[in-house]
Amino acid sequence: MPGTPDFSKIWAQNSPLDPYVITDGNYLEGLNFIGSQPPDRGIFDAWMNNADQKMKYLYDNSASSESLTEHNDNPSAHSKLTLTMNDLLTPTKDTDTLVNLLSGLGRRFRDVTGKGNWYDAPDISLATLATLVSNLASGSDVQWSGSKFTNAKLGISGLMAQNGYIQFGPNFGGLIVQW
């Protein structure tokens, strides 16, 4: 069928015959209600007219790509989908409404970053933090002199020998472990 179908045409809309009324019983039984004889023109016209009217209704009430674009460009079209996060809500379970689950994630993100709001950027990225921790443990922030070491950033120093010690410094309450 070439081109776009013309949904404005309805079968037998200008028929000179009196329209046949298909009852609910006829409709549910199909053409069995007329027996073994072929349907007359009036029944056939009524059946096709009903089918065309349904298709025209669906066509007239369907969303075209133009109307979808207009809908999506309308700033208030999706206002019912707007959610407000509450980052004071503590998550308590795995299953909840979407807004409560997102609010719980916002709370956890806020707690992890130490910021006032879930959407505030953290002071340091996880990649930067991983590099820092790696350097504190064994990288450029640890200075060795023989078996003695110092980590000025943490305030830790020690002697790694058979009879050694680790001094954790003021950041850790001045704790000293000796062996």
Protein backbone atom coordinates (compact mmCIF):
# COMPACT_ATOMS: atom_id res chain seq x y z
CA MET A 1 0.00 0.00 0.00
CA PRO A 2 1.93 3.04 -1.20
CA GLY A 3 1.90 6.30 0.74
CA THR A 4 0.16 7.15 3.98
CA PRO A 5 -3.30 5.58 4.43
CA ASP A 6 -6.21 8.02 4.33
CA PHE A 7 -7.87 7.57 7.72
CA SER A 8 -10.55 10.13 6.87
CA LYS A 9 -12.28 7.61 4.57
CA ILE A 10 -14.77 5.41 6.37
CA TRP A 11 -16.13 2.34 4.58
CA ALA A 12 -19.76 2.75 3.50
CA GLN A 13 -20.13 6.16 5.14
CA ASN A 14 -22.21 7.30 2.12
CA SER A 15 -24.07 4.01 1.54
CA PRO A 16 -27.73 4.44 0.49
CA LEU A 17 -28.63 1.30 2.47
CA ASP A 18 -30.10 1.55 5.94
CA PRO A 19 -27.18 0.89 8.32
CA TYR A 20 -27.21 -2.56 9.84
CA VAL A 21 -26.84 -2.48 13.63
CA ILE A 22 -24.43 -5.11 14.87
CA THR A 23 -25.44 -6.07 18.42
CA ASP A 24 -22.97 -7.00 21.14
CA GLY A 25 -24.07 -10.62 20.72
CA ASN A 26 -23.46 -10.47 16.94
CA TYR A 27 -20.07 -8.88 17.52
CA LEU A 28 -18.95 -11.48 20.06
CA GLU A 29 -20.20 -14.39 17.93
CA GLY A 30 -18.69 -13.11 14.69
CA LEU A 31 -20.30 -14.00 11.37
CA ASN A 32 -21.56 -17.23 12.92
CA PHE A 33 -24.73 -15.34 13.89
CA ILE A 34 -25.91 -15.39 10.24
CA GLY A 35 -25.48 -19.14 9.83
CA SER A 36 -24.01 -20.77 6.74
CA GLN A 37 -25.16 -18.13 4.24
CA PRO A 38 -22.78 -15.33 3.18
CA PRO A 39 -23.41 -11.97 4.84
CA ASP A 40 -25.49 -9.47 2.89
CA ARG A 41 -24.03 -6.13 1.90
CA GLY A 42 -25.55 -4.30 4.86
CA ILE A 43 -23.89 -6.61 7.42
CA PHE A 44 -20.56 -6.49 5.59
CA ASP A 45 -20.75 -2.67 5.29
CA ALA A 46 -21.60 -2.34 9.01
CA TRP A 47 -18.68 -4.58 9.98
CA MET A 48 -16.13 -2.71 7.80
CA ASN A 49 -17.59 0.68 8.80
CA ASN A 50 -17.11 -0.23 12.49
CA ALA A 51 -13.51 -1.36 11.84
CA ASP A 52 -12.70 1.86 9.91
CA GLN A 53 -14.19 4.03 12.67
CA LYS A 54 -12.00 2.28 15.26
CA MET A 55 -8.88 2.75 13.14
CA LYS A 56 -9.73 6.42 12.54
CA TYR A 57 -10.25 6.93 16.27
CA LEU A 58 -6.84 5.38 17.03
CA TYR A 59 -5.19 7.43 14.30
CA ASP A 60 -6.82 10.69 15.45
CA ASN A 61 -5.87 10.04 19.07
CA SER A 62 -2.35 8.74 18.58
CA ALA A 63 0.73 10.83 19.20
CA SER A 64 2.50 11.79 16.00
CA SER A 65 6.22 12.53 16.03
CA GLU A 66 5.34 16.23 15.76
CA SER A 67 3.09 16.14 18.80
CA LEU A 68 5.72 14.18 20.74
CA THR A 69 8.32 16.84 19.91
CA GLU A 70 5.90 19.58 20.96
CA HIS A 71 5.22 17.67 24.18
CA ASN A 72 8.90 17.18 25.00
CA ASP A 73 9.68 20.84 24.24
CA ASN A 74 6.97 22.01 26.65
CA PRO A 75 8.72 22.91 29.96
CA SER A 76 5.77 21.77 32.07
CA ALA A 77 5.19 18.49 30.20
CA HIS A 78 7.25 16.44 32.63
CA SER A 79 6.59 18.41 35.81
CA LYS A 80 4.95 15.37 37.43
CA LEU A 81 8.28 13.53 37.07
CA THR A 82 10.16 16.11 39.13
CA LEU A 83 11.49 14.61 42.36
CA THR A 84 12.88 16.44 45.35
CA MET A 85 15.68 14.69 47.19
CA ASN A 86 15.82 14.82 50.95
CA ASP A 87 19.43 14.11 51.94
CA LEU A 88 18.41 14.03 55.60
CA LEU A 89 16.61 10.71 54.99
CA THR A 90 18.68 7.80 56.29
CA PRO A 91 18.38 4.68 54.14
CA THR A 92 16.96 1.70 56.01
CA LYS A 93 16.10 -0.87 53.34
CA ASP A 94 16.75 -1.94 49.76
CA THR A 95 13.18 -1.52 48.50
CA ASP A 96 11.39 1.82 48.65
CA THR A 97 10.01 4.55 46.43
CA LEU A 98 12.42 5.99 43.88
CA VAL A 99 12.61 9.35 45.67
CA ASN A 100 13.39 7.66 49.01
CA LEU A 101 16.11 5.46 47.49
CA LEU A 102 17.71 8.44 45.76
CA SER A 103 17.40 10.49 48.96
CA GLY A 104 19.18 7.75 50.89
CA LEU A 105 22.00 7.71 48.33
CA GLY A 106 22.20 11.49 48.60
CA ARG A 107 22.50 11.16 52.39
CA ARG A 108 25.32 8.65 52.07
CA PHE A 109 27.13 10.82 49.52
CA ARG A 110 26.76 13.84 51.79
CA ASP A 111 28.11 11.82 54.74
CA VAL A 112 31.10 10.54 52.75
CA THR A 113 32.08 13.95 51.41
CA GLY A 114 31.41 15.79 54.67
CA LYS A 115 29.62 18.49 52.72
CA GLY A 116 26.37 20.20 53.66
CA ASN A 117 24.49 18.97 50.58
CA TRP A 118 24.66 15.78 48.53
CA TYR A 119 25.26 17.80 45.36
CA ASP A 120 28.26 19.77 46.67
CA ALA A 121 31.51 18.63 45.06
CA PRO A 122 33.95 16.84 47.38
CA ASP A 123 37.22 18.56 48.25
CA ILE A 124 39.26 15.68 46.85
CA SER A 125 38.55 12.95 44.33
CA LEU A 126 38.85 9.25 45.11
CA ALA A 127 41.69 8.98 42.57
CA THR A 128 43.64 11.74 44.33
CA LEU A 129 42.95 10.14 47.71
CA ALA A 130 44.19 6.75 46.46
CA THR A 131 47.44 8.37 45.29
CA LEU A 132 47.84 10.15 48.64
CA VAL A 133 47.33 6.96 50.65
CA SER A 134 49.74 5.09 48.41
CA ASN A 135 52.38 7.79 48.88
CA LEU A 136 51.84 7.84 52.66
CA ALA A 137 52.41 4.12 52.85
CA SER A 138 55.47 3.76 50.68
CA GLY A 139 55.94 6.59 48.25
CA SER A 140 57.68 9.92 48.23
CA ASP A 141 56.18 10.96 51.61
CA VAL A 142 58.17 8.26 53.43
CA GLN A 143 61.84 9.12 54.00
CA TRP A 144 64.26 6.32 54.89
CA SER A 145 67.69 6.55 56.47
CA GLY A 146 68.97 3.04 56.83
CA SER A 147 66.33 1.23 58.88
CA LYS A 148 64.80 4.46 60.25
CA PHE A 149 61.83 6.05 58.54
CA THR A 150 59.86 9.27 58.84
CA ASN A 151 56.54 10.23 57.35
CA ALA A 152 56.26 13.97 57.98
CA LYS A 153 52.70 14.22 56.65
CA LEU A 154 51.40 11.74 59.22
CA GLY A 155 53.90 12.63 61.95
CA ILE A 156 55.02 9.00 62.15
CA SER A 157 58.58 7.83 62.57
CA GLY A 158 60.19 4.58 63.56
CA LEU A 159 63.01 2.11 63.49
CA MET A 160 62.42 -1.09 61.57
CA ALA A 161 64.88 -3.45 63.26
CA GLN A 162 64.85 -6.46 65.60
CA ASN A 163 64.58 -4.03 68.52
CA GLY A 164 62.58 -1.24 66.92
CA TYR A 165 59.66 1.09 67.44
CA ILE A 166 56.97 3.13 65.68
CA GLN A 167 56.14 6.54 67.11
CA PHE A 168 52.69 7.60 65.87
CA GLY A 169 53.10 11.25 66.88
CA PRO A 170 50.57 13.84 68.03
CA ASN A 171 48.01 13.01 65.33
CA PHE A 172 47.60 9.60 66.94
CA GLY A 173 47.86 10.60 70.59
CA GLY A 174 51.64 10.15 70.79
CA LEU A 175 51.35 6.36 70.82
CA ILE A 176 54.65 4.49 70.70
CA VAL A 177 54.88 0.79 69.91
CA GLN A 178 58.17 -0.89 70.78
CA TRP A 179 59.47 -4.38 70.27
